[in-house]
PDB file of N, CA and C in Angstrom:
ATOM      1  N   UNK A   1    -133.736  11.904 -48.215  1.00  0.00           N
ATOM      2  CA  UNK A   1    -134.358  11.612 -46.937  1.00  0.00           C
ATOM      3  C   UNK A   1    -134.799   9.899 -47.471  1.00  0.00           C
ATOM      4  N   UNK A   2    -134.581   9.262 -46.287  1.00  0.00           N
ATOM      5  CA  UNK A   2    -134.982   7.874 -46.453  1.00  0.00           C
ATOM      6  C   UNK A   2    -136.594   7.907 -46.203  1.00  0.00           C
ATOM      7  N   UNK A   3    -137.216   6.815 -46.771  1.00  0.00           N
ATOM      8  CA  UNK A   3    -138.615   6.645 -46.683  1.00  0.00           C
ATOM      9  C   UNK A   3    -138.564   6.034 -45.214  1.00  0.00           C
ATOM     10  N   UNK A   4    -139.837   6.122 -44.635  1.00  0.00           N
ATOM     11  CA  UNK A   4    -140.117   5.817 -43.198  1.00  0.00           C
ATOM     12  C   UNK A   4    -141.643   5.062 -43.073  1.00  0.00           C
ATOM     13  N   UNK A   5    -141.432   4.365 -42.069  1.00  0.00           N
ATOM     14  CA  UNK A   5    -142.827   3.661 -41.579  1.00  0.00           C
ATOM     15  C   UNK A   5    -142.813   4.217 -40.244  1.00  0.00           C
ATOM     16  N   UNK A   6    -144.463   4.713 -39.927  1.00  0.00           N
ATOM     17  CA  UNK A   6    -144.696   5.183 -38.553  1.00  0.00           C
ATOM     18  C   UNK A   6    -145.202   4.175 -37.755  1.00  0.00           C
ATOM     19  N   UNK A   7    -144.915   3.924 -36.560  1.00  0.00           N
ATOM     20  CA  UNK A   7    -145.274   2.944 -35.585  1.00  0.00           C
ATOM     21  C   UNK A   7    -146.018   3.727 -34.413  1.00  0.00           C
ATOM     22  N   UNK A   8    -147.426   3.631 -34.490  1.00  0.00           N
ATOM     23  CA  UNK A   8    -148.218   4.257 -33.279  1.00  0.00           C
ATOM     24  C   UNK A   8    -147.665   3.972 -31.861  1.00  0.00           C
ATOM     25  N   UNK A   9    -147.606   5.000 -31.220  1.00  0.00           N
ATOM     26  CA  UNK A   9    -147.079   4.894 -29.648  1.00  0.00           C
ATOM     27  C   UNK A   9    -148.123   5.508 -28.917  1.00  0.00           C
ATOM     28  N   UNK A  10    -147.744   5.580 -27.530  1.00  0.00           N
ATOM     29  CA  UNK A  10    -148.475   6.150 -26.407  1.00  0.00           C
ATOM     30  C   UNK A  10    -147.878   7.633 -26.267  1.00  0.00           C
ATOM     31  N   UNK A  11    -148.728   8.377 -25.658  1.00  0.00           N
ATOM     32  CA  UNK A  11    -148.325   9.848 -25.130  1.00  0.00           C
ATOM     33  C   UNK A  11    -147.150   9.668 -24.127  1.00  0.00           C
ATOM     34  N   UNK A  12    -147.171   8.657 -23.312  1.00  0.00           N
ATOM     35  CA  UNK A  12    -146.016   8.760 -22.449  1.00  0.00           C
ATOM     36  C   UNK A  12    -144.945   8.365 -23.098  1.00  0.00           C
ATOM     37  N   UNK A  13    -144.832   7.266 -23.998  1.00  0.00           N
ATOM     38  CA  UNK A  13    -143.614   7.011 -24.672  1.00  0.00           C
ATOM     39  C   UNK A  13    -142.994   8.317 -25.530  1.00  0.00           C
ATOM     40  N   UNK A  14    -143.697   8.671 -26.281  1.00  0.00           N
ATOM     41  CA  UNK A  14    -143.492   9.885 -27.001  1.00  0.00           C
ATOM     42  C   UNK A  14    -142.893  11.206 -26.040  1.00  0.00           C
ATOM     43  N   UNK A  15    -143.538  11.402 -24.928  1.00  0.00           N
ATOM     44  CA  UNK A  15    -143.103  12.593 -24.098  1.00  0.00           C
ATOM     45  C   UNK A  15    -141.631  11.909 -23.531  1.00  0.00           C
ATOM     46  N   UNK A  16    -141.571  10.868 -23.222  1.00  0.00           N
ATOM     47  CA  UNK A  16    -140.290  10.571 -22.569  1.00  0.00           C
ATOM     48  C   UNK A  16    -139.095  10.855 -23.567  1.00  0.00           C
ATOM     49  N   UNK A  17    -139.245  10.226 -24.586  1.00  0.00           N
ATOM     50  CA  UNK A  17    -138.409  10.500 -25.834  1.00  0.00           C
ATOM     51  C   UNK A  17    -138.057  11.824 -26.027  1.00  0.00           C
ATOM     52  N   UNK A  18    -139.084  12.501 -26.123  1.00  0.00           N
ATOM     53  CA  UNK A  18    -138.880  14.156 -26.638  1.00  0.00           C
ATOM     54  C   UNK A  18    -138.322  14.601 -25.124  1.00  0.00           C
ATOM     55  N   UNK A  19    -138.540  14.582 -23.969  1.00  0.00           N
ATOM     56  CA  UNK A  19    -137.760  15.208 -22.948  1.00  0.00           C
ATOM     57  C   UNK A  19    -136.277  14.860 -22.856  1.00  0.00           C
ATOM     58  N   UNK A  20    -136.118  13.170 -23.080  1.00  0.00           N
ATOM     59  CA  UNK A  20    -134.737  12.765 -22.912  1.00  0.00           C
ATOM     60  C   UNK A  20    -133.786  13.197 -23.979  1.00  0.00           C
ATOM     61  N   UNK A  21    -134.426  13.763 -25.075  1.00  0.00           N
ATOM     62  CA  UNK A  21    -133.517  14.295 -26.105  1.00  0.00           C
ATOM     63  C   UNK A  21    -133.770  15.571 -26.679  1.00  0.00           C
ATOM     64  N   UNK A  22    -133.608  16.605 -25.949  1.00  0.00           N
ATOM     65  CA  UNK A  22    -133.931  18.025 -26.295  1.00  0.00           C
ATOM     66  C   UNK A  22    -133.062  18.675 -27.573  1.00  0.00           C
ATOM     67  N   UNK A  23    -132.055  17.762 -27.817  1.00  0.00           N
ATOM     68  CA  UNK A  23    -131.216  18.128 -29.126  1.00  0.00           C
ATOM     69  C   UNK A  23    -132.127  17.968 -30.214  1.00  0.00           C
ATOM     70  N   UNK A  24    -133.148  17.312 -30.398  1.00  0.00           N
ATOM     71  CA  UNK A  24    -133.905  17.018 -31.728  1.00  0.00           C
ATOM     72  C   UNK A  24    -134.250  18.235 -32.368  1.00  0.00           C
ATOM     73  N   UNK A  25    -134.526  18.248 -33.484  1.00  0.00           N
ATOM     74  CA  UNK A  25    -134.996  19.340 -34.181  1.00  0.00           C
ATOM     75  C   UNK A  25    -136.078  18.894 -34.989  1.00  0.00           C
ATOM     76  N   UNK A  26    -137.104  20.105 -35.283  1.00  0.00           N
ATOM     77  CA  UNK A  26    -138.362  19.879 -36.142  1.00  0.00           C
ATOM     78  C   UNK A  26    -137.514  19.450 -37.652  1.00  0.00           C
ATOM     79  N   UNK A  27    -138.147  18.422 -38.005  1.00  0.00           N
ATOM     80  CA  UNK A  27    -137.677  17.877 -39.374  1.00  0.00           C
ATOM     81  C   UNK A  27    -138.891  18.440 -40.562  1.00  0.00           C
ATOM     82  N   UNK A  28    -140.066  18.378 -39.993  1.00  0.00           N
ATOM     83  CA  UNK A  28    -140.940  18.829 -41.099  1.00  0.00           C
ATOM     84  C   UNK A  28    -142.407  19.250 -39.928  1.00  0.00           C
ATOM     85  N   UNK A  29    -143.229  20.137 -40.522  1.00  0.00           N
ATOM     86  CA  UNK A  29    -144.253  20.513 -40.036  1.00  0.00           C
ATOM     87  C   UNK A  29    -145.422  20.992 -40.971  1.00  0.00           C
ATOM     88  N   UNK A  30    -146.740  20.594 -40.706  1.00  0.00           N
ATOM     89  CA  UNK A  30    -147.757  21.064 -41.433  1.00  0.00           C
ATOM     90  C   UNK A  30    -149.026  21.333 -40.842  1.00  0.00           C
ATOM     91  N   UNK A  31    -149.703  22.235 -41.029  1.00  0.00           N
ATOM     92  CA  UNK A  31    -150.874  22.589 -40.356  1.00  0.00           C
ATOM     93  C   UNK A  31    -152.076  23.340 -41.072  1.00  0.00           C
ATOM     94  N   UNK A  32    -153.198  23.104 -41.129  1.00  0.00           N
ATOM     95  CA  UNK A  32    -154.516  23.517 -41.480  1.00  0.00           C
ATOM     96  C   UNK A  32    -155.368  23.761 -40.468  1.00  0.00           C
ATOM     97  N   UNK A  33    -156.428  24.395 -40.785  1.00  0.00           N
ATOM     98  CA  UNK A  33    -157.531  24.679 -39.836  1.00  0.00           C
ATOM     99  C   UNK A  33    -157.645  23.385 -38.873  1.00  0.00           C
ATOM    100  N   UNK A  34    -157.470  23.440 -37.733  1.00  0.00           N
ATOM    101  CA  UNK A  34    -157.869  22.465 -36.724  1.00  0.00           C
ATOM    102  C   UNK A  34    -156.981  21.258 -37.056  1.00  0.00           C
ATOM    103  N   UNK A  35    -155.611  21.362 -37.551  1.00  0.00           N
ATOM    104  CA  UNK A  35    -155.050  20.039 -37.898  1.00  0.00           C
ATOM    105  C   UNK A  35    -153.235  20.554 -37.610  1.00  0.00           C
ATOM    106  N   UNK A  36    -152.502  19.907 -36.913  1.00  0.00           N
ATOM    107  CA  UNK A  36    -151.188  20.213 -36.731  1.00  0.00           C
ATOM    108  C   UNK A  36    -150.449  19.169 -36.721  1.00  0.00           C
ATOM    109  N   UNK A  37    -149.314  18.696 -37.618  1.00  0.00           N
ATOM    110  CA  UNK A  37    -148.543  17.589 -37.646  1.00  0.00           C
ATOM    111  C   UNK A  37    -147.187  18.001 -37.616  1.00  0.00           C
ATOM    112  N   UNK A  38    -146.228  17.301 -36.822  1.00  0.00           N
ATOM    113  CA  UNK A  38    -144.757  17.565 -36.559  1.00  0.00           C
ATOM    114  C   UNK A  38    -144.021  16.531 -36.588  1.00  0.00           C
ATOM    115  N   UNK A  39    -142.807  16.504 -37.249  1.00  0.00           N
ATOM    116  CA  UNK A  39    -141.772  15.472 -37.023  1.00  0.00           C
ATOM    117  C   UNK A  39    -140.774  16.066 -36.577  1.00  0.00           C
ATOM    118  N   UNK A  40    -139.904  15.232 -35.590  1.00  0.00           N
ATOM    119  CA  UNK A  40    -138.722  15.562 -34.802  1.00  0.00           C
ATOM    120  C   UNK A  40    -137.646  14.488 -35.048  1.00  0.00           C
ATOM    121  N   UNK A  41    -136.366  15.048 -35.315  1.00  0.00           N
ATOM    122  CA  UNK A  41    -135.435  14.099 -35.673  1.00  0.00           C
ATOM    123  C   UNK A  41    -134.178  14.606 -34.926  1.00  0.00           C
ATOM    124  N   UNK A  42    -133.085  13.688 -35.087  1.00  0.00           N
ATOM    125  CA  UNK A  42    -131.747  14.104 -34.549  1.00  0.00           C
ATOM    126  C   UNK A  42    -130.854  14.884 -35.733  1.00  0.00           C
ATOM    127  N   UNK A  43    -130.144  15.896 -35.354  1.00  0.00           N
ATOM    128  CA  UNK A  43    -129.346  16.689 -36.520  1.00  0.00           C
ATOM    129  C   UNK A  43    -128.641  15.688 -37.421  1.00  0.00           C
ATOM    130  N   UNK A  44    -128.768  15.823 -38.462  1.00  0.00           N
ATOM    131  CA  UNK A  44    -127.998  15.063 -39.606  1.00  0.00           C
ATOM    132  C   UNK A  44    -128.554  13.757 -39.800  1.00  0.00           C
ATOM    133  N   UNK A  45    -129.555  13.379 -39.299  1.00  0.00           N
ATOM    134  CA  UNK A  45    -130.457  12.161 -39.266  1.00  0.00           C
ATOM    135  C   UNK A  45    -131.111  12.107 -40.948  1.00  0.00           C
ATOM    136  N   UNK A  46    -131.069  11.029 -41.637  1.00  0.00           N
ATOM    137  CA  UNK A  46    -131.847  11.138 -42.873  1.00  0.00           C
ATOM    138  C   UNK A  46    -133.405  10.618 -42.593  1.00  0.00           C
ATOM    139  N   UNK A  47    -133.785  10.488 -41.470  1.00  0.00           N
ATOM    140  CA  UNK A  47    -135.370  10.058 -41.207  1.00  0.00           C
ATOM    141  C   UNK A  47    -135.699  10.865 -39.717  1.00  0.00           C
ATOM    142  N   UNK A  48    -137.020  11.364 -39.633  1.00  0.00           N
ATOM    143  CA  UNK A  48    -137.507  11.651 -38.390  1.00  0.00           C
ATOM    144  C   UNK A  48    -137.364  10.528 -37.367  1.00  0.00           C
ATOM    145  N   UNK A  49    -137.337  10.860 -36.081  1.00  0.00           N
ATOM    146  CA  UNK A  49    -137.374   9.827 -35.050  1.00  0.00           C
ATOM    147  C   UNK A  49    -138.805   9.774 -34.631  1.00  0.00           C
ATOM    148  N   UNK A  50    -139.529  10.941 -34.089  1.00  0.00           N
ATOM    149  CA  UNK A  50    -140.801  10.901 -33.733  1.00  0.00           C
ATOM    150  C   UNK A  50    -141.595  11.846 -34.557  1.00  0.00           C
ATOM    151  N   UNK A  51    -143.007  11.510 -34.417  1.00  0.00           N
ATOM    152  CA  UNK A  51    -144.036  12.447 -34.978  1.00  0.00           C
ATOM    153  C   UNK A  51    -145.330  12.586 -34.042  1.00  0.00           C
ATOM    154  N   UNK A  52    -145.949  13.825 -34.297  1.00  0.00           N
ATOM    155  CA  UNK A  52    -147.081  13.905 -33.429  1.00  0.00           C
ATOM    156  C   UNK A  52    -148.205  14.850 -34.380  1.00  0.00           C
ATOM    157  N   UNK A  53    -149.295  14.318 -34.085  1.00  0.00           N
ATOM    158  CA  UNK A  53    -150.528  15.187 -34.764  1.00  0.00           C
ATOM    159  C   UNK A  53    -151.479  15.570 -33.641  1.00  0.00           C
ATOM    160  N   UNK A  54    -152.190  16.902 -33.904  1.00  0.00           N
ATOM    161  CA  UNK A  54    -153.149  17.305 -32.950  1.00  0.00           C
ATOM    162  C   UNK A  54    -154.230  17.641 -33.912  1.00  0.00           C
ATOM    163  N   UNK A  55    -155.506  17.391 -33.526  1.00  0.00           N
ATOM    164  CA  UNK A  55    -156.706  17.885 -34.524  1.00  0.00           C
ATOM    165  C   UNK A  55    -157.580  18.369 -33.325  1.00  0.00           C
ATOM    166  N   UNK A  56    -158.365  19.556 -33.792  1.00  0.00           N
ATOM    167  CA  UNK A  56    -159.476  19.790 -32.913  1.00  0.00           C
ATOM    168  C   UNK A  56    -160.562  20.666 -33.704  1.00  0.00           C
ATOM    169  N   UNK A  57    -161.705  20.596 -33.039  1.00  0.00           N
ATOM    170  CA  UNK A  57    -162.720  21.410 -33.464  1.00  0.00           C
ATOM    171  C   UNK A  57    -162.776  22.838 -32.943  1.00  0.00           C
ATOM    172  N   UNK A  58    -163.152  23.928 -33.574  1.00  0.00           N
ATOM    173  CA  UNK A  58    -163.257  25.120 -33.197  1.00  0.00           C
ATOM    174  C   UNK A  58    -164.739  25.420 -32.352  1.00  0.00           C
ATOM    175  N   UNK A  59    -164.589  26.141 -31.378  1.00  0.00           N
ATOM    176  CA  UNK A  59    -165.818  26.597 -30.520  1.00  0.00           C
ATOM    177  C   UNK A  59    -165.791  28.277 -30.788  1.00  0.00           C
ATOM    178  N   UNK A  60    -166.625  28.691 -29.859  1.00  0.00           N
ATOM    179  CA  UNK A  60    -166.718  30.017 -29.749  1.00  0.00           C
ATOM    180  C   UNK A  60    -165.541  30.971 -29.458  1.00  0.00           C
ATOM    181  N   UNK A  61    -165.228  31.937 -30.331  1.00  0.00           N
ATOM    182  CA  UNK A  61    -164.064  32.803 -29.983  1.00  0.00           C
ATOM    183  C   UNK A  61    -162.602  31.799 -30.221  1.00  0.00           C
ATOM    184  N   UNK A  62    -162.903  30.929 -31.065  1.00  0.00           N
ATOM    185  CA  UNK A  62    -161.930  30.042 -31.979  1.00  0.00           C
ATOM    186  C   UNK A  62    -160.991  28.983 -30.669  1.00  0.00           C
ATOM    187  N   UNK A  63    -161.953  28.859 -29.395  1.00  0.00           N
ATOM    188  CA  UNK A  63    -161.694  28.046 -28.657  1.00  0.00           C
ATOM    189  C   UNK A  63    -161.442  26.511 -28.821  1.00  0.00           C
ATOM    190  N   UNK A  64    -160.325  25.779 -28.629  1.00  0.00           N
ATOM    191  CA  UNK A  64    -160.320  24.593 -29.225  1.00  0.00           C
ATOM    192  C   UNK A  64    -161.220  23.604 -28.295  1.00  0.00           C
ATOM    193  N   UNK A  65    -161.712  22.739 -29.091  1.00  0.00           N
ATOM    194  CA  UNK A  65    -162.797  21.754 -28.717  1.00  0.00           C
ATOM    195  C   UNK A  65    -162.538  20.257 -29.077  1.00  0.00           C
ATOM    196  N   UNK A  66    -162.717  19.374 -28.417  1.00  0.00           N
ATOM    197  CA  UNK A  66    -162.474  17.895 -28.840  1.00  0.00           C
ATOM    198  C   UNK A  66    -161.080  17.658 -29.195  1.00  0.00           C
ATOM    199  N   UNK A  67    -160.108  18.316 -28.566  1.00  0.00           N
ATOM    200  CA  UNK A  67    -158.540  17.903 -29.020  1.00  0.00           C
ATOM    201  C   UNK A  67    -158.234  16.463 -28.979  1.00  0.00           C
ATOM    202  N   UNK A  68    -157.777  16.000 -30.188  1.00  0.00           N
ATOM    203  CA  UNK A  68    -157.195  14.560 -30.338  1.00  0.00           C
ATOM    204  C   UNK A  68    -155.728  14.691 -30.624  1.00  0.00           C
ATOM    205  N   UNK A  69    -154.852  13.675 -29.969  1.00  0.00           N
ATOM    206  CA  UNK A  69    -153.568  13.538 -30.010  1.00  0.00           C
ATOM    207  C   UNK A  69    -153.258  12.000 -30.716  1.00  0.00           C
ATOM    208  N   UNK A  70    -152.288  12.190 -31.721  1.00  0.00           N
ATOM    209  CA  UNK A  70    -151.705  10.824 -32.080  1.00  0.00           C
ATOM    210  C   UNK A  70    -150.095  11.005 -31.996  1.00  0.00           C
ATOM    211  N   UNK A  71    -149.553   9.968 -31.863  1.00  0.00           N
ATOM    212  CA  UNK A  71    -147.945   9.916 -31.644  1.00  0.00           C
ATOM    213  C   UNK A  71    -147.530   8.708 -32.633  1.00  0.00           C
ATOM    214  N   UNK A  72    -146.365   9.013 -32.947  1.00  0.00           N
ATOM    215  CA  UNK A  72    -145.594   7.813 -33.831  1.00  0.00           C
ATOM    216  C   UNK A  72    -143.974   7.837 -33.437  1.00  0.00           C
ATOM    217  N   UNK A  73    -143.556   6.630 -33.482  1.00  0.00           N
ATOM    218  CA  UNK A  73    -142.006   6.534 -33.914  1.00  0.00           C
ATOM    219  C   UNK A  73    -141.871   6.226 -35.100  1.00  0.00           C
ATOM    220  N   UNK A  74    -140.944   7.000 -35.638  1.00  0.00           N
ATOM    221  CA  UNK A  74    -140.580   6.642 -37.174  1.00  0.00           C
ATOM    222  C   UNK A  74    -139.358   5.722 -37.260  1.00  0.00           C
ATOM    223  N   UNK A  75    -139.579   4.936 -38.257  1.00  0.00           N
ATOM    224  CA  UNK A  75    -138.383   3.807 -38.388  1.00  0.00           C
ATOM    225  C   UNK A  75    -138.241   4.127 -40.002  1.00  0.00           C
ATOM    226  N   UNK A  76    -136.893   4.036 -40.392  1.00  0.00           N
ATOM    227  CA  UNK A  76    -136.340   4.327 -41.776  1.00  0.00           C
ATOM    228  C   UNK A  76    -136.770   2.801 -42.442  1.00  0.00           C
ATOM    229  N   UNK A  77    -137.078   2.928 -43.893  1.00  0.00           N
ATOM    230  CA  UNK A  77    -137.468   1.643 -44.377  1.00  0.00           C
ATOM    231  C   UNK A  77    -136.489   1.573 -45.702  1.00  0.00           C
ATOM    232  N   UNK A  78    -135.614   2.553 -46.037  1.00  0.00           N
ATOM    233  CA  UNK A  78    -134.789   2.221 -47.065  1.00  0.00           C
ATOM    234  C   UNK A  78    -134.812   3.672 -47.852  1.00  0.00           C
ATOM    235  N   UNK A  79    -134.642   3.581 -49.180  1.00  0.00           N
ATOM    236  CA  UNK A  79    -134.614   4.646 -49.931  1.00  0.00           C
ATOM    237  C   UNK A  79    -133.252   5.116 -49.884  1.00  0.00           C
ATOM    238  N   UNK A  80    -133.053   6.466 -49.765  1.00  0.00           N
ATOM    239  CA  UNK A  80    -131.726   6.991 -49.438  1.00  0.00           C
ATOM    240  C   UNK A  80    -131.494   8.315 -50.097  1.00  0.00           C
ATOM    241  N   UNK A  81    -130.279   8.532 -49.977  1.00  0.00           N
ATOM    242  CA  UNK A  81    -129.893   9.932 -50.469  1.00  0.00           C
ATOM    243  C   UNK A  81    -129.725  10.316 -51.755  1.00  0.00           C
TER     244      UNK A  81
END
């Protein structure tokens, strides 16, 4: 897989790309307590196209509090297969 650079983007840009391209697949995902990160890309691509991260604190009964969202467009920087 190629190396990538992530460029921060807005919620609106990320949502439009995601909605316009339902063929994108999950490239990678990672989670831990109060943190979820996912990359999406086109089938056969060497690099993901977009990424998103959501973090939160836990409240009573595991209710999510203070949700924060970050979104990126991923750009290949080289490397290779």
